[in-house]
PDB file of N, CA and C in Angstrom:
ATOM      1  N   MET A   1      32.995   8.090  18.949  1.00  0.00           N
ATOM      2  CA  MET A   1      32.914   6.909  18.116  1.00  0.00           C
ATOM      3  C   MET A   1      32.037   7.224  16.909  1.00  0.00           C
ATOM      4  N   SER A   2      32.467   6.788  15.752  1.00  0.00           N
ATOM      5  CA  SER A   2      31.738   7.089  14.518  1.00  0.00           C
ATOM      6  C   SER A   2      30.474   6.230  14.397  1.00  0.00           C
ATOM      7  N   ILE A   3      29.594   6.679  13.533  1.00  0.00           N
ATOM      8  CA  ILE A   3      28.354   5.945  13.269  1.00  0.00           C
ATOM      9  C   ILE A   3      28.671   4.545  12.762  1.00  0.00           C
ATOM     10  N   SER A   4      29.639   4.434  11.858  1.00  0.00           N
ATOM     11  CA  SER A   4      29.961   3.116  11.299  1.00  0.00           C
ATOM     12  C   SER A   4      30.512   2.179  12.371  1.00  0.00           C
ATOM     13  N   GLU A   5      31.319   2.690  13.289  1.00  0.00           N
ATOM     14  CA  GLU A   5      31.829   1.850  14.376  1.00  0.00           C
ATOM     15  C   GLU A   5      30.695   1.410  15.287  1.00  0.00           C
ATOM     16  N   ARG A   6      29.820   2.337  15.605  1.00  0.00           N
ATOM     17  CA  ARG A   6      28.668   1.995  16.453  1.00  0.00           C
ATOM     18  C   ARG A   6      27.756   0.986  15.768  1.00  0.00           C
ATOM     19  N   TYR A   7      27.589   1.132  14.464  1.00  0.00           N
ATOM     20  CA  TYR A   7      26.753   0.205  13.707  1.00  0.00           C
ATOM     21  C   TYR A   7      27.345  -1.199  13.768  1.00  0.00           C
ATOM     22  N   ARG A   8      28.640  -1.291  13.535  1.00  0.00           N
ATOM     23  CA  ARG A   8      29.294  -2.608  13.574  1.00  0.00           C
ATOM     24  C   ARG A   8      29.239  -3.216  14.974  1.00  0.00           C
ATOM     25  N   GLU A   9      29.402  -2.401  15.992  1.00  0.00           N
ATOM     26  CA  GLU A   9      29.289  -2.895  17.373  1.00  0.00           C
ATOM     27  C   GLU A   9      27.878  -3.399  17.643  1.00  0.00           C
ATOM     28  N   LEU A  10      26.894  -2.685  17.128  1.00  0.00           N
ATOM     29  CA  LEU A  10      25.509  -3.098  17.300  1.00  0.00           C
ATOM     30  C   LEU A  10      25.264  -4.455  16.663  1.00  0.00           C
ATOM     31  N   VAL A  11      25.746  -4.639  15.450  1.00  0.00           N
ATOM     32  CA  VAL A  11      25.567  -5.924  14.755  1.00  0.00           C
ATOM     33  C   VAL A  11      26.235  -7.045  15.549  1.00  0.00           C
ATOM     34  N   ALA A  12      27.436  -6.800  16.042  1.00  0.00           N
ATOM     35  CA  ALA A  12      28.139  -7.816  16.837  1.00  0.00           C
ATOM     36  C   ALA A  12      27.364  -8.131  18.113  1.00  0.00           C
ATOM     37  N   GLU A  13      26.820  -7.104  18.765  1.00  0.00           N
ATOM     38  CA  GLU A  13      26.065  -7.335  19.993  1.00  0.00           C
ATOM     39  C   GLU A  13      24.783  -8.114  19.714  1.00  0.00           C
ATOM     40  N   VAL A  14      24.103  -7.786  18.623  1.00  0.00           N
ATOM     41  CA  VAL A  14      22.888  -8.520  18.263  1.00  0.00           C
ATOM     42  C   VAL A  14      23.228  -9.996  18.047  1.00  0.00           C
ATOM     43  N   ARG A  15      24.325 -10.265  17.355  1.00  0.00           N
ATOM     44  CA  ARG A  15      24.749 -11.661  17.137  1.00  0.00           C
ATOM     45  C   ARG A  15      24.949 -12.388  18.469  1.00  0.00           C
ATOM     46  N   LEU A  16      25.676 -11.729  19.382  1.00  0.00           N
ATOM     47  CA  LEU A  16      25.955 -12.350  20.685  1.00  0.00           C
ATOM     48  C   LEU A  16      24.681 -12.607  21.482  1.00  0.00           C
ATOM     49  N   VAL A  17      23.795 -11.644  21.496  1.00  0.00           N
ATOM     50  CA  VAL A  17      22.544 -11.805  22.246  1.00  0.00           C
ATOM     51  C   VAL A  17      21.719 -12.942  21.662  1.00  0.00           C
ATOM     52  N   LEU A  18      21.607 -12.988  20.345  1.00  0.00           N
ATOM     53  CA  LEU A  18      20.818 -14.061  19.726  1.00  0.00           C
ATOM     54  C   LEU A  18      21.448 -15.432  19.955  1.00  0.00           C
ATOM     55  N   GLN A  19      22.769 -15.503  19.905  1.00  0.00           N
ATOM     56  CA  GLN A  19      23.440 -16.772  20.212  1.00  0.00           C
ATOM     57  C   GLN A  19      23.168 -17.179  21.657  1.00  0.00           C
ATOM     58  N   GLY A  20      23.215 -16.211  22.550  1.00  0.00           N
ATOM     59  CA  GLY A  20      22.926 -16.493  23.956  1.00  0.00           C
ATOM     60  C   GLY A  20      21.501 -16.953  24.165  1.00  0.00           C
ATOM     61  N   LEU A  21      20.561 -16.336  23.474  1.00  0.00           N
ATOM     62  CA  LEU A  21      19.159 -16.744  23.596  1.00  0.00           C
ATOM     63  C   LEU A  21      18.952 -18.157  23.073  1.00  0.00           C
ATOM     64  N   ARG A  22      19.621 -18.481  21.972  1.00  0.00           N
ATOM     65  CA  ARG A  22      19.507 -19.846  21.429  1.00  0.00           C
ATOM     66  C   ARG A  22      20.126 -20.885  22.359  1.00  0.00           C
ATOM     67  N   ALA A  23      21.201 -20.508  23.021  1.00  0.00           N
ATOM     68  CA  ALA A  23      21.912 -21.441  23.885  1.00  0.00           C
ATOM     69  C   ALA A  23      21.227 -21.629  25.242  1.00  0.00           C
ATOM     70  N   ASP A  24      20.328 -20.725  25.599  1.00  0.00           N
ATOM     71  CA  ASP A  24      19.646 -20.792  26.889  1.00  0.00           C
ATOM     72  C   ASP A  24      18.655 -21.949  26.896  1.00  0.00           C
ATOM     73  N   GLU A  25      19.020 -23.022  27.579  1.00  0.00           N
ATOM     74  CA  GLU A  25      18.176 -24.215  27.574  1.00  0.00           C
ATOM     75  C   GLU A  25      16.928 -24.057  28.423  1.00  0.00           C
ATOM     76  N   GLY A  26      16.926 -23.073  29.313  1.00  0.00           N
ATOM     77  CA  GLY A  26      15.750 -22.847  30.144  1.00  0.00           C
ATOM     78  C   GLY A  26      14.701 -21.990  29.462  1.00  0.00           C
ATOM     79  N   SER A  27      15.009 -21.529  28.274  1.00  0.00           N
ATOM     80  CA  SER A  27      14.109 -20.630  27.555  1.00  0.00           C
ATOM     81  C   SER A  27      13.009 -21.407  26.843  1.00  0.00           C
ATOM     82  N   ASN A  28      11.850 -20.784  26.768  1.00  0.00           N
ATOM     83  CA  ASN A  28      10.727 -21.368  26.031  1.00  0.00           C
ATOM     84  C   ASN A  28      10.576 -20.745  24.649  1.00  0.00           C
ATOM     85  N   ALA A  29      11.567 -19.971  24.234  1.00  0.00           N
ATOM     86  CA  ALA A  29      11.496 -19.299  22.938  1.00  0.00           C
ATOM     87  C   ALA A  29      11.424 -20.335  21.822  1.00  0.00           C
ATOM     88  N   THR A  30      10.531 -20.081  20.892  1.00  0.00           N
ATOM     89  CA  THR A  30      10.317 -21.024  19.798  1.00  0.00           C
ATOM     90  C   THR A  30      11.113 -20.619  18.565  1.00  0.00           C
ATOM     91  N   GLU A  31      11.207 -21.539  17.645  1.00  0.00           N
ATOM     92  CA  GLU A  31      11.928 -21.269  16.404  1.00  0.00           C
ATOM     93  C   GLU A  31      11.254 -20.154  15.606  1.00  0.00           C
ATOM     94  N   ARG A  32       9.961 -20.040  15.725  1.00  0.00           N
ATOM     95  CA  ARG A  32       9.215 -18.968  15.052  1.00  0.00           C
ATOM     96  C   ARG A  32       9.731 -17.604  15.499  1.00  0.00           C
ATOM     97  N   ILE A  33      10.002 -17.466  16.780  1.00  0.00           N
ATOM     98  CA  ILE A  33      10.528 -16.213  17.318  1.00  0.00           C
ATOM     99  C   ILE A  33      11.936 -15.963  16.791  1.00  0.00           C
ATOM    100  N   PHE A  34      12.747 -17.009  16.761  1.00  0.00           N
ATOM    101  CA  PHE A  34      14.118 -16.844  16.283  1.00  0.00           C
ATOM    102  C   PHE A  34      14.164 -16.495  14.800  1.00  0.00           C
ATOM    103  N   ARG A  35      13.208 -16.966  14.026  1.00  0.00           N
ATOM    104  CA  ARG A  35      13.166 -16.582  12.609  1.00  0.00           C
ATOM    105  C   ARG A  35      12.975 -15.072  12.470  1.00  0.00           C
ATOM    106  N   VAL A  36      12.114 -14.506  13.294  1.00  0.00           N
ATOM    107  CA  VAL A  36      11.873 -13.055  13.256  1.00  0.00           C
ATOM    108  C   VAL A  36      13.135 -12.308  13.694  1.00  0.00           C
ATOM    109  N   LEU A  37      13.739 -12.736  14.804  1.00  0.00           N
ATOM    110  CA  LEU A  37      14.941 -12.077  15.310  1.00  0.00           C
ATOM    111  C   LEU A  37      16.114 -12.239  14.344  1.00  0.00           C
ATOM    112  N   ASP A  38      16.220 -13.413  13.727  1.00  0.00           N
ATOM    113  CA  ASP A  38      17.291 -13.640  12.744  1.00  0.00           C
ATOM    114  C   ASP A  38      17.113 -12.749  11.516  1.00  0.00           C
ATOM    115  N   ARG A  39      15.875 -12.477  11.138  1.00  0.00           N
ATOM    116  CA  ARG A  39      15.639 -11.555  10.019  1.00  0.00           C
ATOM    117  C   ARG A  39      16.116 -10.153  10.373  1.00  0.00           C
ATOM    118  N   GLY A  40      15.916  -9.763  11.634  1.00  0.00           N
ATOM    119  CA  GLY A  40      16.419  -8.465  12.086  1.00  0.00           C
ATOM    120  C   GLY A  40      17.926  -8.397  11.998  1.00  0.00           C
ATOM    121  N   LEU A  41      18.592  -9.466  12.425  1.00  0.00           N
ATOM    122  CA  LEU A  41      20.049  -9.533  12.335  1.00  0.00           C
ATOM    123  C   LEU A  41      20.499  -9.511  10.878  1.00  0.00           C
ATOM    124  N   ALA A  42      19.831 -10.267  10.039  1.00  0.00           N
ATOM    125  CA  ALA A  42      20.198 -10.300   8.617  1.00  0.00           C
ATOM    126  C   ALA A  42      20.037  -8.926   7.978  1.00  0.00           C
ATOM    127  N   THR A  43      19.006  -8.209   8.368  1.00  0.00           N
ATOM    128  CA  THR A  43      18.781  -6.859   7.850  1.00  0.00           C
ATOM    129  C   THR A  43      19.954  -5.951   8.201  1.00  0.00           C
ATOM    130  N   LEU A  44      20.391  -6.012   9.451  1.00  0.00           N
ATOM    131  CA  LEU A  44      21.524  -5.190   9.885  1.00  0.00           C
ATOM    132  C   LEU A  44      22.829  -5.656   9.238  1.00  0.00           C
ATOM    133  N   SER A  45      22.991  -6.956   9.114  1.00  0.00           N
ATOM    134  CA  SER A  45      24.245  -7.520   8.606  1.00  0.00           C
ATOM    135  C   SER A  45      24.526  -7.135   7.164  1.00  0.00           C
ATOM    136  N   GLU A  46      23.478  -6.852   6.404  1.00  0.00           N
ATOM    137  CA  GLU A  46      23.662  -6.484   4.997  1.00  0.00           C
ATOM    138  C   GLU A  46      24.570  -5.274   4.831  1.00  0.00           C
ATOM    139  N   TYR A  47      24.559  -4.369   5.787  1.00  0.00           N
ATOM    140  CA  TYR A  47      25.355  -3.142   5.696  1.00  0.00           C
ATOM    141  C   TYR A  47      26.576  -3.151   6.600  1.00  0.00           C
ATOM    142  N   GLU A  48      26.831  -4.246   7.267  1.00  0.00           N
ATOM    143  CA  GLU A  48      27.928  -4.294   8.246  1.00  0.00           C
ATOM    144  C   GLU A  48      29.271  -3.908   7.638  1.00  0.00           C
ATOM    145  N   GLU A  49      29.587  -4.422   6.494  1.00  0.00           N
ATOM    146  CA  GLU A  49      30.868  -4.118   5.854  1.00  0.00           C
ATOM    147  C   GLU A  49      30.836  -2.791   5.110  1.00  0.00           C
ATOM    148  N   ALA A  50      29.729  -2.503   4.464  1.00  0.00           N
ATOM    149  CA  ALA A  50      29.645  -1.330   3.596  1.00  0.00           C
ATOM    150  C   ALA A  50      29.405  -0.028   4.348  1.00  0.00           C
ATOM    151  N   VAL A  51      29.027  -0.105   5.617  1.00  0.00           N
ATOM    152  CA  VAL A  51      28.652   1.106   6.346  1.00  0.00           C
ATOM    153  C   VAL A  51      29.788   2.131   6.386  1.00  0.00           C
ATOM    154  N   GLY A  52      31.007   1.696   6.432  1.00  0.00           N
ATOM    155  CA  GLY A  52      32.138   2.615   6.475  1.00  0.00           C
ATOM    156  C   GLY A  52      32.403   3.317   5.157  1.00  0.00           C
ATOM    157  N   GLU A  53      31.841   2.799   4.085  1.00  0.00           N
ATOM    158  CA  GLU A  53      32.060   3.375   2.761  1.00  0.00           C
ATOM    159  C   GLU A  53      30.953   4.344   2.346  1.00  0.00           C
ATOM    160  N   ILE A  54      29.912   4.437   3.157  1.00  0.00           N
ATOM    161  CA  ILE A  54      28.802   5.336   2.841  1.00  0.00           C
ATOM    162  C   ILE A  54      29.211   6.753   3.245  1.00  0.00           C
ATOM    163  N   PRO A  55      29.128   7.705   2.321  1.00  0.00           N
ATOM    164  CA  PRO A  55      29.468   9.090   2.670  1.00  0.00           C
ATOM    165  C   PRO A  55      28.554   9.622   3.777  1.00  0.00           C
ATOM    166  N   ARG A  56      29.098  10.436   4.632  1.00  0.00           N
ATOM    167  CA  ARG A  56      28.371  10.980   5.789  1.00  0.00           C
ATOM    168  C   ARG A  56      27.047  11.627   5.361  1.00  0.00           C
ATOM    169  N   MET A  57      27.048  12.287   4.229  1.00  0.00           N
ATOM    170  CA  MET A  57      25.844  12.964   3.738  1.00  0.00           C
ATOM    171  C   MET A  57      24.715  11.984   3.428  1.00  0.00           C
ATOM    172  N   ARG A  58      25.051  10.747   3.114  1.00  0.00           N
ATOM    173  CA  ARG A  58      24.041   9.762   2.721  1.00  0.00           C
ATOM    174  C   ARG A  58      23.734   8.747   3.803  1.00  0.00           C
ATOM    175  N   LEU A  59      24.413   8.826   4.949  1.00  0.00           N
ATOM    176  CA  LEU A  59      24.185   7.841   6.014  1.00  0.00           C
ATOM    177  C   LEU A  59      22.724   7.781   6.433  1.00  0.00           C
ATOM    178  N   ASP A  60      22.126   8.925   6.631  1.00  0.00           N
ATOM    179  CA  ASP A  60      20.732   8.962   7.069  1.00  0.00           C
ATOM    180  C   ASP A  60      19.823   8.269   6.059  1.00  0.00           C
ATOM    181  N   ASN A  61      19.983   8.604   4.792  1.00  0.00           N
ATOM    182  CA  ASN A  61      19.145   8.007   3.746  1.00  0.00           C
ATOM    183  C   ASN A  61      19.378   6.513   3.587  1.00  0.00           C
ATOM    184  N   GLU A  62      20.612   6.081   3.739  1.00  0.00           N
ATOM    185  CA  GLU A  62      20.962   4.669   3.539  1.00  0.00           C
ATOM    186  C   GLU A  62      20.603   3.808   4.752  1.00  0.00           C
ATOM    187  N   LEU A  63      20.898   4.304   5.951  1.00  0.00           N
ATOM    188  CA  LEU A  63      20.762   3.466   7.139  1.00  0.00           C
ATOM    189  C   LEU A  63      19.409   3.555   7.833  1.00  0.00           C
ATOM    190  N   SER A  64      18.718   4.668   7.692  1.00  0.00           N
ATOM    191  CA  SER A  64      17.430   4.813   8.392  1.00  0.00           C
ATOM    192  C   SER A  64      16.448   3.693   8.062  1.00  0.00           C
ATOM    193  N   PRO A  65      16.224   3.373   6.786  1.00  0.00           N
ATOM    194  CA  PRO A  65      15.283   2.284   6.503  1.00  0.00           C
ATOM    195  C   PRO A  65      15.738   0.938   7.068  1.00  0.00           C
ATOM    196  N   VAL A  66      17.037   0.706   7.057  1.00  0.00           N
ATOM    197  CA  VAL A  66      17.590  -0.554   7.572  1.00  0.00           C
ATOM    198  C   VAL A  66      17.372  -0.637   9.081  1.00  0.00           C
ATOM    199  N   LEU A  67      17.693   0.441   9.778  1.00  0.00           N
ATOM    200  CA  LEU A  67      17.535   0.464  11.234  1.00  0.00           C
ATOM    201  C   LEU A  67      16.069   0.382  11.635  1.00  0.00           C
ATOM    202  N   LEU A  68      15.200   1.052  10.900  1.00  0.00           N
ATOM    203  CA  LEU A  68      13.764   0.983  11.200  1.00  0.00           C
ATOM    204  C   LEU A  68      13.216  -0.428  10.988  1.00  0.00           C
ATOM    205  N   GLU A  69      13.630  -1.061   9.917  1.00  0.00           N
ATOM    206  CA  GLU A  69      13.166  -2.434   9.662  1.00  0.00           C
ATOM    207  C   GLU A  69      13.657  -3.383  10.751  1.00  0.00           C
ATOM    208  N   ALA A  70      14.934  -3.265  11.114  1.00  0.00           N
ATOM    209  CA  ALA A  70      15.472  -4.122  12.172  1.00  0.00           C
ATOM    210  C   ALA A  70      14.756  -3.860  13.495  1.00  0.00           C
ATOM    211  N   HIS A  71      14.519  -2.592  13.805  1.00  0.00           N
ATOM    212  CA  HIS A  71      13.816  -2.238  15.042  1.00  0.00           C
ATOM    213  C   HIS A  71      12.432  -2.876  15.060  1.00  0.00           C
ATOM    214  N   ASN A  72      11.715  -2.798  13.946  1.00  0.00           N
ATOM    215  CA  ASN A  72      10.377  -3.386  13.871  1.00  0.00           C
ATOM    216  C   ASN A  72      10.413  -4.903  14.023  1.00  0.00           C
ATOM    217  N   LEU A  73      11.404  -5.548  13.419  1.00  0.00           N
ATOM    218  CA  LEU A  73      11.522  -7.004  13.557  1.00  0.00           C
ATOM    219  C   LEU A  73      11.853  -7.388  14.993  1.00  0.00           C
ATOM    220  N   PHE A  74      12.749  -6.643  15.631  1.00  0.00           N
ATOM    221  CA  PHE A  74      13.068  -6.924  17.032  1.00  0.00           C
ATOM    222  C   PHE A  74      11.851  -6.674  17.920  1.00  0.00           C
ATOM    223  N   ASP A  75      11.068  -5.656  17.589  1.00  0.00           N
ATOM    224  CA  ASP A  75       9.857  -5.379  18.356  1.00  0.00           C
ATOM    225  C   ASP A  75       8.874  -6.536  18.237  1.00  0.00           C
ATOM    226  N   ARG A  76       8.701  -7.038  17.028  1.00  0.00           N
ATOM    227  CA  ARG A  76       7.811  -8.182  16.813  1.00  0.00           C
ATOM    228  C   ARG A  76       8.322  -9.400  17.587  1.00  0.00           C
ATOM    229  N   GLY A  77       9.630  -9.648  17.517  1.00  0.00           N
ATOM    230  CA  GLY A  77      10.206 -10.762  18.256  1.00  0.00           C
ATOM    231  C   GLY A  77      10.034 -10.612  19.757  1.00  0.00           C
ATOM    232  N   ARG A  78      10.210  -9.397  20.251  1.00  0.00           N
ATOM    233  CA  ARG A  78      10.055  -9.133  21.694  1.00  0.00           C
ATOM    234  C   ARG A  78       8.621  -9.398  22.131  1.00  0.00           C
ATOM    235  N   LEU A  79       7.666  -8.939  21.325  1.00  0.00           N
ATOM    236  CA  LEU A  79       6.267  -9.171  21.671  1.00  0.00           C
ATOM    237  C   LEU A  79       5.927 -10.658  21.662  1.00  0.00           C
ATOM    238  N   LEU A  80       6.482 -11.387  20.711  1.00  0.00           N
ATOM    239  CA  LEU A  80       6.264 -12.844  20.680  1.00  0.00           C
ATOM    240  C   LEU A  80       6.885 -13.514  21.899  1.00  0.00           C
ATOM    241  N   LEU A  81       8.062 -13.039  22.296  1.00  0.00           N
ATOM    242  CA  LEU A  81       8.695 -13.583  23.496  1.00  0.00           C
ATOM    243  C   LEU A  81       7.824 -13.331  24.725  1.00  0.00           C
ATOM    244  N   GLU A  82       7.284 -12.123  24.830  1.00  0.00           N
ATOM    245  CA  GLU A  82       6.421 -11.803  25.964  1.00  0.00           C
ATOM    246  C   GLU A  82       5.165 -12.668  25.965  1.00  0.00           C
ATOM    247  N   GLU A  83       4.588 -12.893  24.775  1.00  0.00           N
ATOM    248  CA  GLU A  83       3.399 -13.748  24.671  1.00  0.00           C
ATOM    249  C   GLU A  83       3.691 -15.168  25.141  1.00  0.00           C
ATOM    250  N   ASP A  84       4.919 -15.629  24.878  1.00  0.00           N
ATOM    251  CA  ASP A  84       5.296 -16.995  25.264  1.00  0.00           C
ATOM    252  C   ASP A  84       5.830 -17.068  26.690  1.00  0.00           C
ATOM    253  N   GLY A  85       5.783 -15.965  27.416  1.00  0.00           N
ATOM    254  CA  GLY A  85       6.220 -15.964  28.808  1.00  0.00           C
ATOM    255  C   GLY A  85       7.724 -15.911  28.990  1.00  0.00           C
ATOM    256  N   CYS A  86       8.442 -15.451  28.007  1.00  0.00           N
ATOM    257  CA  CYS A  86       9.904 -15.361  28.065  1.00  0.00           C
ATOM    258  C   CYS A  86      10.305 -13.919  28.388  1.00  0.00           C
ATOM    259  N   SER A  87       9.973 -13.462  29.578  1.00  0.00           N
ATOM    260  CA  SER A  87      10.185 -12.053  29.908  1.00  0.00           C
ATOM    261  C   SER A  87      11.656 -11.683  29.999  1.00  0.00           C
ATOM    262  N   ALA A  88      12.518 -12.581  30.474  1.00  0.00           N
ATOM    263  CA  ALA A  88      13.955 -12.274  30.558  1.00  0.00           C
ATOM    264  C   ALA A  88      14.545 -12.103  29.167  1.00  0.00           C
ATOM    265  N   GLU A  89      14.136 -12.952  28.251  1.00  0.00           N
ATOM    266  CA  GLU A  89      14.615 -12.856  26.878  1.00  0.00           C
ATOM    267  C   GLU A  89      14.063 -11.604  26.204  1.00  0.00           C
ATOM    268  N   ALA A  90      12.797 -11.304  26.485  1.00  0.00           N
ATOM    269  CA  ALA A  90      12.181 -10.108  25.913  1.00  0.00           C
ATOM    270  C   ALA A  90      12.912  -8.852  26.381  1.00  0.00           C
ATOM    271  N   LEU A  91      13.373  -8.836  27.609  1.00  0.00           N
ATOM    272  CA  LEU A  91      14.112  -7.694  28.133  1.00  0.00           C
ATOM    273  C   LEU A  91      15.436  -7.502  27.390  1.00  0.00           C
ATOM    274  N   LYS A  92      16.095  -8.584  27.055  1.00  0.00           N
ATOM    275  CA  LYS A  92      17.346  -8.498  26.297  1.00  0.00           C
ATOM    276  C   LYS A  92      17.095  -7.922  24.905  1.00  0.00           C
ATOM    277  N   VAL A  93      16.022  -8.343  24.276  1.00  0.00           N
ATOM    278  CA  VAL A  93      15.685  -7.827  22.953  1.00  0.00           C
ATOM    279  C   VAL A  93      15.277  -6.355  23.063  1.00  0.00           C
ATOM    280  N   TRP A  94      14.608  -5.990  24.144  1.00  0.00           N
ATOM    281  CA  TRP A  94      14.236  -4.593  24.364  1.00  0.00           C
ATOM    282  C   TRP A  94      15.488  -3.710  24.440  1.00  0.00           C
ATOM    283  N   GLU A  95      16.527  -4.200  25.100  1.00  0.00           N
ATOM    284  CA  GLU A  95      17.781  -3.449  25.180  1.00  0.00           C
ATOM    285  C   GLU A  95      18.387  -3.249  23.786  1.00  0.00           C
ATOM    286  N   LEU A  96      18.306  -4.274  22.946  1.00  0.00           N
ATOM    287  CA  LEU A  96      18.789  -4.137  21.565  1.00  0.00           C
ATOM    288  C   LEU A  96      17.969  -3.101  20.800  1.00  0.00           C
ATOM    289  N   GLN A  97      16.670  -3.137  20.991  1.00  0.00           N
ATOM    290  CA  GLN A  97      15.802  -2.170  20.325  1.00  0.00           C
ATOM    291  C   GLN A  97      16.189  -0.744  20.695  1.00  0.00           C
ATOM    292  N   LYS A  98      16.458  -0.519  21.971  1.00  0.00           N
ATOM    293  CA  LYS A  98      16.828   0.824  22.413  1.00  0.00           C
ATOM    294  C   LYS A  98      18.131   1.273  21.763  1.00  0.00           C
ATOM    295  N   LYS A  99      19.078   0.361  21.606  1.00  0.00           N
ATOM    296  CA  LYS A  99      20.347   0.715  20.968  1.00  0.00           C
ATOM    297  C   LYS A  99      20.149   1.038  19.486  1.00  0.00           C
ATOM    298  N   VAL A 100      19.305   0.273  18.825  1.00  0.00           N
ATOM    299  CA  VAL A 100      18.998   0.552  17.425  1.00  0.00           C
ATOM    300  C   VAL A 100      18.358   1.931  17.316  1.00  0.00           C
ATOM    301  N   TYR A 101      17.442   2.223  18.198  1.00  0.00           N
ATOM    302  CA  TYR A 101      16.740   3.500  18.151  1.00  0.00           C
ATOM    303  C   TYR A 101      17.679   4.669  18.438  1.00  0.00           C
ATOM    304  N   ARG A 102      18.589   4.493  19.399  1.00  0.00           N
ATOM    305  CA  ARG A 102      19.559   5.554  19.694  1.00  0.00           C
ATOM    306  C   ARG A 102      20.442   5.843  18.484  1.00  0.00           C
ATOM    307  N   LEU A 103      20.885   4.789  17.825  1.00  0.00           N
ATOM    308  CA  LEU A 103      21.718   4.975  16.636  1.00  0.00           C
ATOM    309  C   LEU A 103      20.915   5.678  15.543  1.00  0.00           C
ATOM    310  N   LEU A 104      19.691   5.289  15.387  1.00  0.00           N
ATOM    311  CA  LEU A 104      18.810   5.928  14.399  1.00  0.00           C
ATOM    312  C   LEU A 104      18.665   7.423  14.702  1.00  0.00           C
ATOM    313  N   ASN A 105      18.470   7.757  15.951  1.00  0.00           N
ATOM    314  CA  ASN A 105      18.318   9.168  16.327  1.00  0.00           C
ATOM    315  C   ASN A 105      19.602   9.963  16.103  1.00  0.00           C
ATOM    316  N   ASP A 106      20.740   9.326  16.198  1.00  0.00           N
ATOM    317  CA  ASP A 106      22.012  10.021  16.033  1.00  0.00           C
ATOM    318  C   ASP A 106      22.393  10.237  14.560  1.00  0.00           C
ATOM    319  N   LEU A 107      21.638   9.641  13.674  1.00  0.00           N
ATOM    320  CA  LEU A 107      21.923   9.865  12.247  1.00  0.00           C
ATOM    321  C   LEU A 107      21.546  11.294  11.929  1.00  0.00           C
TER     322      LEU A 107
END
């Protein structure tokens, strides 16, 4: 699977996870946390369409800063979730972080 396909799958998965977290009525996650996580999604979404048009030689230069920023935002959101006692939600965000990091390493 190509980097661009994996990137698009990652963005779609992040969307689904965040929608699921918002829909979870048993969650204590606050809007402050969702603002941080939504910024991570927005960061990734900026390149969702254009990722396939980036030449292979420039993928690392173009996507690394985006993936690092998203990873940091998800990390901040995960830590906020843990502080608020939302360990199940934090685990889901941790899984997203690992996928972002794996994609970053494969560049």
